[in-house]
Each structure stands twice: as C-alpha cells, then as structure tokens.
Protein backbone atom coordinates (compact mmCIF):
# COMPACT_ATOMS: atom_id res chain seq x y z
CA MET A 1 34.48 -51.56 -6.01
CA SER A 2 30.97 -52.80 -5.36
CA SER A 3 30.08 -54.10 -1.94
CA SER A 4 29.16 -57.76 -1.64
CA ASN A 5 28.75 -60.64 0.76
CA ASN A 6 31.84 -62.34 -0.62
CA PRO A 7 34.44 -63.75 1.82
CA PRO A 8 37.58 -61.71 2.55
CA LEU A 9 40.17 -62.00 -0.22
CA ILE A 10 43.85 -61.11 -0.37
CA LEU A 11 46.11 -60.84 -3.41
CA ALA A 12 49.60 -61.94 -2.33
CA SER A 13 51.49 -59.80 -4.80
CA THR A 14 53.26 -56.49 -5.31
CA SER A 15 52.52 -56.53 -9.05
CA VAL A 16 50.51 -53.57 -10.32
CA TYR A 17 49.50 -55.70 -13.30
CA ARG A 18 47.94 -58.42 -11.15
CA ARG A 19 46.18 -55.82 -9.03
CA GLU A 20 44.69 -54.18 -12.12
CA LEU A 21 43.57 -57.54 -13.51
CA LEU A 22 41.91 -58.64 -10.26
CA THR A 23 40.07 -55.31 -10.11
CA ARG A 24 38.23 -56.36 -13.29
CA LEU A 25 36.27 -58.95 -11.30
CA ARG A 26 34.73 -56.16 -9.15
CA ILE A 27 35.06 -57.97 -5.87
CA PRO A 28 36.70 -56.44 -2.78
CA PHE A 29 40.25 -57.53 -2.03
CA GLU A 30 43.34 -56.43 -0.14
CA VAL A 31 46.93 -56.57 -1.34
CA VAL A 32 49.71 -57.96 0.86
CA SER A 33 53.36 -58.42 -0.13
CA PRO A 34 54.30 -62.10 0.17
CA LYS A 35 58.05 -61.53 0.73
CA VAL A 36 59.16 -64.82 -0.82
CA ASP A 37 62.65 -65.76 -2.05
CA GLU A 38 62.21 -66.36 -5.78
CA THR A 39 65.59 -68.00 -6.39
CA PRO A 40 65.18 -71.14 -8.56
CA LEU A 41 66.15 -74.47 -7.01
CA THR A 42 68.91 -76.56 -8.59
CA GLY A 43 67.46 -78.57 -11.48
CA GLU A 44 64.01 -77.00 -11.12
CA THR A 45 62.05 -76.69 -14.37
CA THR A 46 60.45 -73.38 -15.29
CA LEU A 47 56.98 -74.87 -14.79
CA ASP A 48 57.88 -76.27 -11.36
CA LEU A 49 59.40 -72.92 -10.39
CA ALA A 50 56.23 -71.02 -11.31
CA LEU A 51 54.01 -73.50 -9.43
CA ARG A 52 56.24 -73.50 -6.34
CA LEU A 53 56.41 -69.71 -6.16
CA ALA A 54 52.65 -69.22 -6.63
CA ASN A 55 52.05 -71.68 -3.80
CA ALA A 56 54.77 -70.14 -1.61
CA LYS A 57 53.40 -66.61 -2.06
CA ALA A 58 49.89 -67.70 -1.11
CA ALA A 59 51.19 -69.72 1.86
CA ALA A 60 53.32 -66.85 3.19
CA VAL A 61 50.34 -64.53 3.35
CA ALA A 62 47.81 -67.19 4.42
CA LYS A 63 50.02 -67.95 7.43
CA ILE A 64 49.52 -64.44 8.82
CA HIS A 65 45.92 -64.11 7.60
CA PRO A 66 44.22 -67.37 8.62
CA ASP A 67 40.62 -68.00 7.57
CA THR A 68 41.08 -65.70 4.55
CA TRP A 69 41.25 -66.75 0.90
CA VAL A 70 44.61 -65.79 -0.57
CA ILE A 71 45.63 -65.62 -4.24
CA GLY A 72 49.25 -66.36 -5.12
CA SER A 73 50.55 -66.12 -8.67
CA ASP A 74 53.86 -66.27 -10.46
CA GLN A 75 55.01 -66.23 -14.06
CA VAL A 76 58.15 -67.74 -15.56
CA ALA A 77 59.06 -67.31 -19.22
CA ASP A 78 60.76 -70.32 -20.81
CA LEU A 79 63.02 -70.31 -23.86
CA CYS A 80 64.26 -73.83 -24.63
CA GLY A 81 64.13 -74.78 -20.95
CA ALA A 82 65.88 -71.64 -19.66
CA ALA A 83 64.03 -69.11 -17.51
CA ILE A 84 63.84 -65.55 -18.79
CA GLY A 85 63.37 -63.05 -15.98
CA LYS A 86 62.57 -59.37 -15.70
CA PRO A 87 65.33 -57.43 -17.47
CA GLY A 88 65.52 -54.44 -15.12
CA ASN A 89 67.20 -52.12 -17.65
CA PHE A 90 67.52 -51.25 -21.35
CA ASP A 91 70.63 -53.30 -22.12
CA ARG A 92 69.30 -56.53 -20.62
CA ALA A 93 65.89 -55.98 -22.23
CA LEU A 94 67.51 -55.54 -25.64
CA ALA A 95 69.56 -58.71 -25.14
CA GLN A 96 66.35 -60.60 -24.23
CA LEU A 97 64.49 -59.37 -27.30
CA GLN A 98 67.43 -60.21 -29.56
CA LEU A 99 67.55 -63.72 -28.09
CA MET A 100 63.80 -64.22 -28.56
CA ARG A 101 63.66 -62.80 -32.09
CA GLY A 102 61.88 -65.35 -34.30
CA GLN A 103 61.48 -67.74 -31.35
CA THR A 104 58.44 -69.15 -29.52
CA ILE A 105 58.51 -68.60 -25.76
CA THR A 106 56.29 -70.42 -23.26
CA PHE A 107 55.06 -68.27 -20.40
CA HIS A 108 54.01 -70.43 -17.43
CA THR A 109 51.55 -68.43 -15.32
CA ALA A 110 50.88 -70.29 -12.08
CA LEU A 111 47.94 -69.60 -9.80
CA CYS A 112 47.19 -70.71 -6.25
CA LEU A 113 44.03 -70.07 -4.22
CA MET A 114 44.55 -70.96 -0.57
CA LYS A 115 42.72 -70.80 2.75
CA ASN A 116 44.24 -72.56 5.76
CA ASP A 117 45.01 -76.13 4.60
CA VAL A 118 42.77 -75.93 1.51
CA HIS A 119 44.43 -74.92 -1.72
CA THR A 120 44.42 -75.43 -5.47
CA THR A 121 47.49 -74.71 -7.59
CA LEU A 122 47.56 -74.80 -11.38
CA SER A 123 49.39 -73.30 -14.32
CA ILE A 124 48.20 -71.82 -17.59
CA PRO A 125 50.74 -71.96 -20.45
CA THR A 126 50.87 -69.25 -23.09
CA GLU A 127 52.94 -69.65 -26.25
CA VAL A 128 54.25 -66.37 -27.65
CA THR A 129 56.01 -66.17 -31.00
CA PHE A 130 58.19 -63.10 -31.54
CA ARG A 131 58.62 -61.51 -34.97
CA LYS A 132 62.05 -61.30 -36.61
CA LEU A 133 62.62 -57.56 -36.20
CA SER A 134 65.73 -55.39 -36.56
CA ASP A 135 67.67 -54.05 -33.60
CA ASP A 136 66.47 -50.53 -34.48
CA VAL A 137 62.83 -51.60 -34.12
CA LEU A 138 63.55 -53.35 -30.83
CA GLU A 139 65.45 -50.34 -29.47
CA ASN A 140 62.65 -47.96 -30.51
CA TYR A 141 60.13 -50.15 -28.72
CA LEU A 142 62.16 -50.27 -25.51
CA ARG A 143 62.60 -46.50 -25.45
CA ALA A 144 58.88 -46.00 -26.05
CA GLU A 145 57.46 -48.40 -23.45
CA GLU A 146 60.35 -49.19 -21.05
CA PRO A 147 59.03 -52.68 -20.13
CA TYR A 148 61.88 -53.42 -17.75
CA ASP A 149 59.64 -54.94 -15.07
CA CYS A 150 58.16 -57.54 -17.46
CA ALA A 151 59.58 -61.02 -18.06
CA GLY A 152 60.29 -61.19 -21.78
CA SER A 153 60.67 -57.40 -22.13
CA ALA A 154 57.41 -56.84 -24.05
CA LYS A 155 53.99 -55.74 -22.80
CA SER A 156 51.41 -57.58 -24.90
CA GLU A 157 48.70 -55.30 -23.51
CA GLY A 158 50.57 -52.28 -24.86
CA LEU A 159 52.90 -51.42 -27.73
CA GLY A 160 54.72 -54.72 -27.18
CA ILE A 161 51.99 -56.45 -29.18
CA SER A 162 53.71 -55.05 -32.29
CA LEU A 163 56.71 -57.31 -31.61
CA LEU A 164 54.63 -60.47 -31.60
CA GLU A 165 53.59 -62.78 -34.40
CA ALA A 166 51.20 -65.00 -32.42
CA ILE A 167 49.84 -65.67 -28.93
CA LYS A 168 48.28 -69.05 -28.09
CA SER A 169 46.51 -69.46 -24.74
CA ASP A 170 43.26 -70.70 -23.23
CA ASP A 171 43.27 -67.74 -20.83
CA PRO A 172 44.17 -64.38 -22.45
CA THR A 173 44.98 -62.52 -19.22
CA ALA A 174 47.49 -65.20 -18.17
CA LEU A 175 50.19 -63.52 -20.24
CA ILE A 176 49.67 -60.24 -18.37
CA GLY A 177 50.17 -62.06 -15.09
CA LEU A 178 46.88 -63.40 -13.69
CA PRO A 179 44.70 -65.98 -15.51
CA LEU A 180 41.23 -64.60 -14.79
CA ILE A 181 39.28 -67.41 -16.48
CA ALA A 182 40.93 -69.99 -14.23
CA LEU A 183 40.77 -67.71 -11.19
CA THR A 184 37.06 -66.99 -11.64
CA GLY A 185 36.35 -70.73 -11.61
CA LEU A 186 38.40 -71.26 -8.44
CA LEU A 187 36.74 -68.33 -6.68
CA ARG A 188 33.24 -69.53 -7.57
CA ASP A 189 34.11 -72.99 -6.23
CA ALA A 190 35.22 -71.27 -3.01
CA GLY A 191 31.85 -69.55 -2.62
CA PHE A 192 32.45 -66.18 -4.28
CA ALA A 193 29.66 -64.56 -6.27
CA ILE A 194 31.04 -63.25 -9.57
CA PRO A 195 29.59 -60.90 -10.68
CA ALA A 196 29.19 -59.82 -7.08
CA THR A 197 25.74 -59.11 -5.70
CA LYS A 198 25.15 -55.55 -4.51
C-alpha cells in the first residue's frame, strides 16, 4: 500500500472479503478481530441487529486501541423478516438457496466508524432477487464455488451472480460486505485523504 499522512486505521473484522475491499482504497490499515457475540437479541429486527453488531465490533476494538479510527461492519440477510446466516456447509447452503428461489432478499450492510466517543453508524440496504432455478443448477453452483461462509449462500462477485435476477443498491460493494462509497465519505469527514497522498 502507498504511504500517506493519514491517521492510523483499524478494520475490526476477520472477514477476508472486507479486508480485500478496504485494500481498494489504498490507505494503510491494520486488522484486529473484534471478538463480539453475534447472537441476535429477542425481538431484534435484522436491521437493528446489523447496526448493533457493526457498532459493537468497532467499540470492542476502539476500547483497546484508543485514539485510533476503527471500522466495524456487519451484514444480515433478511427474508420476510427472518435473518439468513452463513450456511457453513453444503446441505444448509442448498436449503437456503431453495428457500430464496424466486424471492427478493434484503441484505442490510451496517457500517460504523469510531474513534473514542466519536462515531457514525449507518446501514446500506441491498435488494437481491434470486432466479427460479432447479435444484440441479443450485447444487452445481455450490459444488463449484462452495460459498459456505457467505450469508445467502451466493457470491455475487463470483459465479453466484448467475443465480441472481437483479441487484438494487446505492453502494455496489455493500453486498460483498463493506459499503465503500459510504465508507469513503466517512473517512474523508474524519480527515483521511482518499486517494492518499504519497
């Protein structure tokens, strides 16, 4: 990454997808695991869950790294009010794709930028409509890409795009896990130069 006079920055995440996305901005950053319990609260909506977890991840890391800007992010997929998590294996992924066949899912991607007591938390919604495809097609996809660490069981940045009929979002990287349009605005407001000066 290029050197710059930007403030220290930490990504509070273990996600390889978020790390890859943040790298696109070409500013130095560190990665620290937030170690946050992601269990939903009773009666919590999917949007509230995403916002709470993004804030909690940033806060957990900001507590041990004071005076440093910390990015927290979380994504919750919503089908008719129910959260759809990461499948973890083939059978659960197939069940998810069968459930979502022909349906429109809302992916709430929440973002928090925090430093000490200063923070901004927001969420970018992405509506994803899945095609009505046969079980054979779904099974072939899962064997080809093995997207078991992705909520919704389909990688839109890969072969999973073939399962989708439409994507509607104001921030195209939100679906992958980190809304860079929103994040760039927050970082600039916090004093970051993007593109960074050499």
